[in-house]
């Protein structure tokens, strides 16, 4: 059974920082791309940042220069360092990873972690 477990969300004032973590666990052979998405109330889920197994990162324009995605392949873990947070960053943040196992090759999602930025 494969799961992605997120941690690190919470409440922070505007201008503050938070670090999200997401670990993939279970039975699989490899982890390919990993990323973070977010969904604010009444809005569609959107990509925040993603990163390849080789470390190439991609960011949404709205977070460039403020957020940094990284990963530790040995721990099957992806991180999202969020600095200079704004109230518009308030959303549920979801971890995503493409995993390959004995009988599957597909996207998996975490349960989501709430990030709330107060003004």
C-alpha atoms as a PDB file:
ATOM      1  CA  UNK A   1       0.000   0.000   0.000  1.00  0.00           C
ATOM      2  CA  UNK A   2       1.394   3.358  -1.034  1.00  0.00           C
ATOM      3  CA  UNK A   3       0.734   6.635   0.678  1.00  0.00           C
ATOM      4  CA  UNK A   4       1.994  10.197   0.718  1.00  0.00           C
ATOM      5  CA  UNK A   5       2.076  11.795   4.140  1.00  0.00           C
ATOM      6  CA  UNK A   6       2.314  15.564   4.410  1.00  0.00           C
ATOM      7  CA  UNK A   7       3.272  17.716   7.358  1.00  0.00           C
ATOM      8  CA  UNK A   8       4.174  21.298   8.153  1.00  0.00           C
ATOM      9  CA  UNK A   9       1.047  23.295   7.450  1.00  0.00           C
ATOM     10  CA  UNK A  10      -0.379  25.818   9.859  1.00  0.00           C
ATOM     11  CA  UNK A  11      -1.252  29.430  10.563  1.00  0.00           C
ATOM     12  CA  UNK A  12       1.295  32.169   9.925  1.00  0.00           C
ATOM     13  CA  UNK A  13       1.244  35.938   9.583  1.00  0.00           C
ATOM     14  CA  UNK A  14       1.884  37.617   6.263  1.00  0.00           C
ATOM     15  CA  UNK A  15       5.600  37.801   5.585  1.00  0.00           C
ATOM     16  CA  UNK A  16       6.272  34.656   7.556  1.00  0.00           C
ATOM     17  CA  UNK A  17       7.580  31.259   6.506  1.00  0.00           C
ATOM     18  CA  UNK A  18       6.487  27.643   6.579  1.00  0.00           C
ATOM     19  CA  UNK A  19       8.093  24.430   5.398  1.00  0.00           C
ATOM     20  CA  UNK A  20       5.999  21.569   4.083  1.00  0.00           C
ATOM     21  CA  UNK A  21       7.247  17.990   3.906  1.00  0.00           C
ATOM     22  CA  UNK A  22       5.844  14.972   2.120  1.00  0.00           C
ATOM     23  CA  UNK A  23       7.148  11.424   2.363  1.00  0.00           C
ATOM     24  CA  UNK A  24       6.165   8.605   0.060  1.00  0.00           C
ATOM     25  CA  UNK A  25       5.979   5.249   1.787  1.00  0.00           C
ATOM     26  CA  UNK A  26       4.933   1.730   0.925  1.00  0.00           C
ATOM     27  CA  UNK A  27       5.879  -0.754  -1.730  1.00  0.00           C
ATOM     28  CA  UNK A  28       7.228   0.796  -4.902  1.00  0.00           C
ATOM     29  CA  UNK A  29      10.382   0.709  -7.016  1.00  0.00           C
ATOM     30  CA  UNK A  30      10.947   4.342  -7.796  1.00  0.00           C
ATOM     31  CA  UNK A  31       9.673   7.868  -7.440  1.00  0.00           C
ATOM     32  CA  UNK A  32       9.703  10.056 -10.496  1.00  0.00           C
ATOM     33  CA  UNK A  33       8.362  13.597 -10.463  1.00  0.00           C
ATOM     34  CA  UNK A  34       7.140  15.066  -7.196  1.00  0.00           C
ATOM     35  CA  UNK A  35       5.271  18.280  -6.647  1.00  0.00           C
ATOM     36  CA  UNK A  36       2.985  20.497  -4.650  1.00  0.00           C
ATOM     37  CA  UNK A  37      -0.439  21.723  -5.645  1.00  0.00           C
ATOM     38  CA  UNK A  38      -2.865  23.940  -3.774  1.00  0.00           C
ATOM     39  CA  UNK A  39      -6.563  24.571  -3.738  1.00  0.00           C
ATOM     40  CA  UNK A  40      -8.156  27.662  -2.247  1.00  0.00           C
ATOM     41  CA  UNK A  41     -11.872  27.779  -1.414  1.00  0.00           C
ATOM     42  CA  UNK A  42     -13.954  28.172  -4.555  1.00  0.00           C
ATOM     43  CA  UNK A  43     -10.952  27.743  -6.841  1.00  0.00           C
ATOM     44  CA  UNK A  44      -9.492  24.936  -8.878  1.00  0.00           C
ATOM     45  CA  UNK A  45      -6.449  23.019  -7.755  1.00  0.00           C
ATOM     46  CA  UNK A  46      -3.308  24.570  -9.219  1.00  0.00           C
ATOM     47  CA  UNK A  47       0.326  23.609  -9.520  1.00  0.00           C
ATOM     48  CA  UNK A  48       2.620  25.395  -7.094  1.00  0.00           C
ATOM     49  CA  UNK A  49       5.921  23.710  -7.935  1.00  0.00           C
ATOM     50  CA  UNK A  50       7.263  20.407  -9.120  1.00  0.00           C
ATOM     51  CA  UNK A  51      10.649  18.764  -9.337  1.00  0.00           C
ATOM     52  CA  UNK A  52      12.080  15.915 -11.362  1.00  0.00           C
ATOM     53  CA  UNK A  53      14.075  13.052  -9.899  1.00  0.00           C
ATOM     54  CA  UNK A  54      17.148  14.836 -11.253  1.00  0.00           C
ATOM     55  CA  UNK A  55      16.337  18.014  -9.374  1.00  0.00           C
ATOM     56  CA  UNK A  56      14.962  20.238 -12.116  1.00  0.00           C
ATOM     57  CA  UNK A  57      12.303  22.486 -10.596  1.00  0.00           C
ATOM     58  CA  UNK A  58       9.370  24.357 -12.037  1.00  0.00           C
ATOM     59  CA  UNK A  59       7.334  27.057 -10.296  1.00  0.00           C
ATOM     60  CA  UNK A  60       4.065  28.863 -10.738  1.00  0.00           C
ATOM     61  CA  UNK A  61       4.661  32.522 -11.530  1.00  0.00           C
ATOM     62  CA  UNK A  62       2.833  33.538  -8.367  1.00  0.00           C
ATOM     63  CA  UNK A  63       5.407  31.863  -6.102  1.00  0.00           C
ATOM     64  CA  UNK A  64       8.653  32.361  -8.001  1.00  0.00           C
ATOM     65  CA  UNK A  65      11.303  33.927  -5.806  1.00  0.00           C
ATOM     66  CA  UNK A  66       9.379  33.118  -2.616  1.00  0.00           C
ATOM     67  CA  UNK A  67       8.980  29.318  -2.599  1.00  0.00           C
ATOM     68  CA  UNK A  68      11.648  26.664  -3.047  1.00  0.00           C
ATOM     69  CA  UNK A  69      10.965  23.012  -3.785  1.00  0.00           C
ATOM     70  CA  UNK A  70      13.564  20.364  -2.996  1.00  0.00           C
ATOM     71  CA  UNK A  71      13.717  16.612  -2.480  1.00  0.00           C
ATOM     72  CA  UNK A  72      15.730  13.922  -0.795  1.00  0.00           C
ATOM     73  CA  UNK A  73      15.591  10.908  -3.064  1.00  0.00           C
ATOM     74  CA  UNK A  74      17.034   8.575  -0.433  1.00  0.00           C
ATOM     75  CA  UNK A  75      14.086   9.446   1.829  1.00  0.00           C
ATOM     76  CA  UNK A  76      11.452   9.627  -0.926  1.00  0.00           C
ATOM     77  CA  UNK A  77      10.626  13.043   0.463  1.00  0.00           C
ATOM     78  CA  UNK A  78       9.798  16.365  -1.135  1.00  0.00           C
ATOM     79  CA  UNK A  79       9.842  19.718   0.641  1.00  0.00           C
ATOM     80  CA  UNK A  80       8.357  23.122  -0.026  1.00  0.00           C
ATOM     81  CA  UNK A  81       9.995  26.061   1.706  1.00  0.00           C
ATOM     82  CA  UNK A  82       7.578  28.986   1.637  1.00  0.00           C
ATOM     83  CA  UNK A  83       8.896  32.435   2.468  1.00  0.00           C
ATOM     84  CA  UNK A  84       7.332  35.903   2.322  1.00  0.00           C
ATOM     85  CA  UNK A  85       3.910  34.334   2.590  1.00  0.00           C
ATOM     86  CA  UNK A  86       0.888  36.337   1.486  1.00  0.00           C
ATOM     87  CA  UNK A  87      -2.789  35.977   2.406  1.00  0.00           C
ATOM     88  CA  UNK A  88      -3.445  34.803  -1.145  1.00  0.00           C
ATOM     89  CA  UNK A  89      -1.230  31.784  -0.457  1.00  0.00           C
ATOM     90  CA  UNK A  90      -3.936  30.497   1.896  1.00  0.00           C
ATOM     91  CA  UNK A  91      -5.077  27.094   0.623  1.00  0.00           C
ATOM     92  CA  UNK A  92      -4.966  23.381   1.206  1.00  0.00           C
ATOM     93  CA  UNK A  93      -1.628  22.159  -0.123  1.00  0.00           C
ATOM     94  CA  UNK A  94      -1.427  18.702  -1.680  1.00  0.00           C
ATOM     95  CA  UNK A  95       1.644  16.618  -2.352  1.00  0.00           C
ATOM     96  CA  UNK A  96       1.812  14.676  -5.610  1.00  0.00           C
ATOM     97  CA  UNK A  97       4.214  12.002  -6.772  1.00  0.00           C
ATOM     98  CA  UNK A  98       4.493   9.645  -9.722  1.00  0.00           C
ATOM     99  CA  UNK A  99       5.387   6.236  -8.368  1.00  0.00           C
ATOM    100  CA  UNK A 100       6.338   3.022 -10.115  1.00  0.00           C
ATOM    101  CA  UNK A 101       5.714  -0.327  -8.492  1.00  0.00           C
ATOM    102  CA  UNK A 102       5.398  -3.959  -9.444  1.00  0.00           C
ATOM    103  CA  UNK A 103       1.924  -3.523 -10.878  1.00  0.00           C
ATOM    104  CA  UNK A 104       1.443   0.196 -11.290  1.00  0.00           C
ATOM    105  CA  UNK A 105       2.871   3.442 -12.608  1.00  0.00           C
ATOM    106  CA  UNK A 106       0.687   6.328 -11.585  1.00  0.00           C
ATOM    107  CA  UNK A 107       0.143   9.557  -9.718  1.00  0.00           C
ATOM    108  CA  UNK A 108      -0.520   9.509  -5.996  1.00  0.00           C
ATOM    109  CA  UNK A 109      -1.808  12.316  -3.794  1.00  0.00           C
ATOM    110  CA  UNK A 110      -1.411  13.223  -0.163  1.00  0.00           C
ATOM    111  CA  UNK A 111      -4.349  14.034   2.077  1.00  0.00           C
ATOM    112  CA  UNK A 112      -3.648  17.765   2.054  1.00  0.00           C
ATOM    113  CA  UNK A 113      -2.389  20.175   4.678  1.00  0.00           C
ATOM    114  CA  UNK A 114      -3.943  23.538   5.450  1.00  0.00           C
ATOM    115  CA  UNK A 115      -1.846  26.682   5.119  1.00  0.00           C
ATOM    116  CA  UNK A 116      -3.451  29.866   6.397  1.00  0.00           C
ATOM    117  CA  UNK A 117      -1.770  33.256   6.064  1.00  0.00           C
ATOM    118  CA  UNK A 118      -3.272  36.076   8.067  1.00  0.00           C
ATOM    119  CA  UNK A 119      -2.945  39.713   7.069  1.00  0.00           C
END
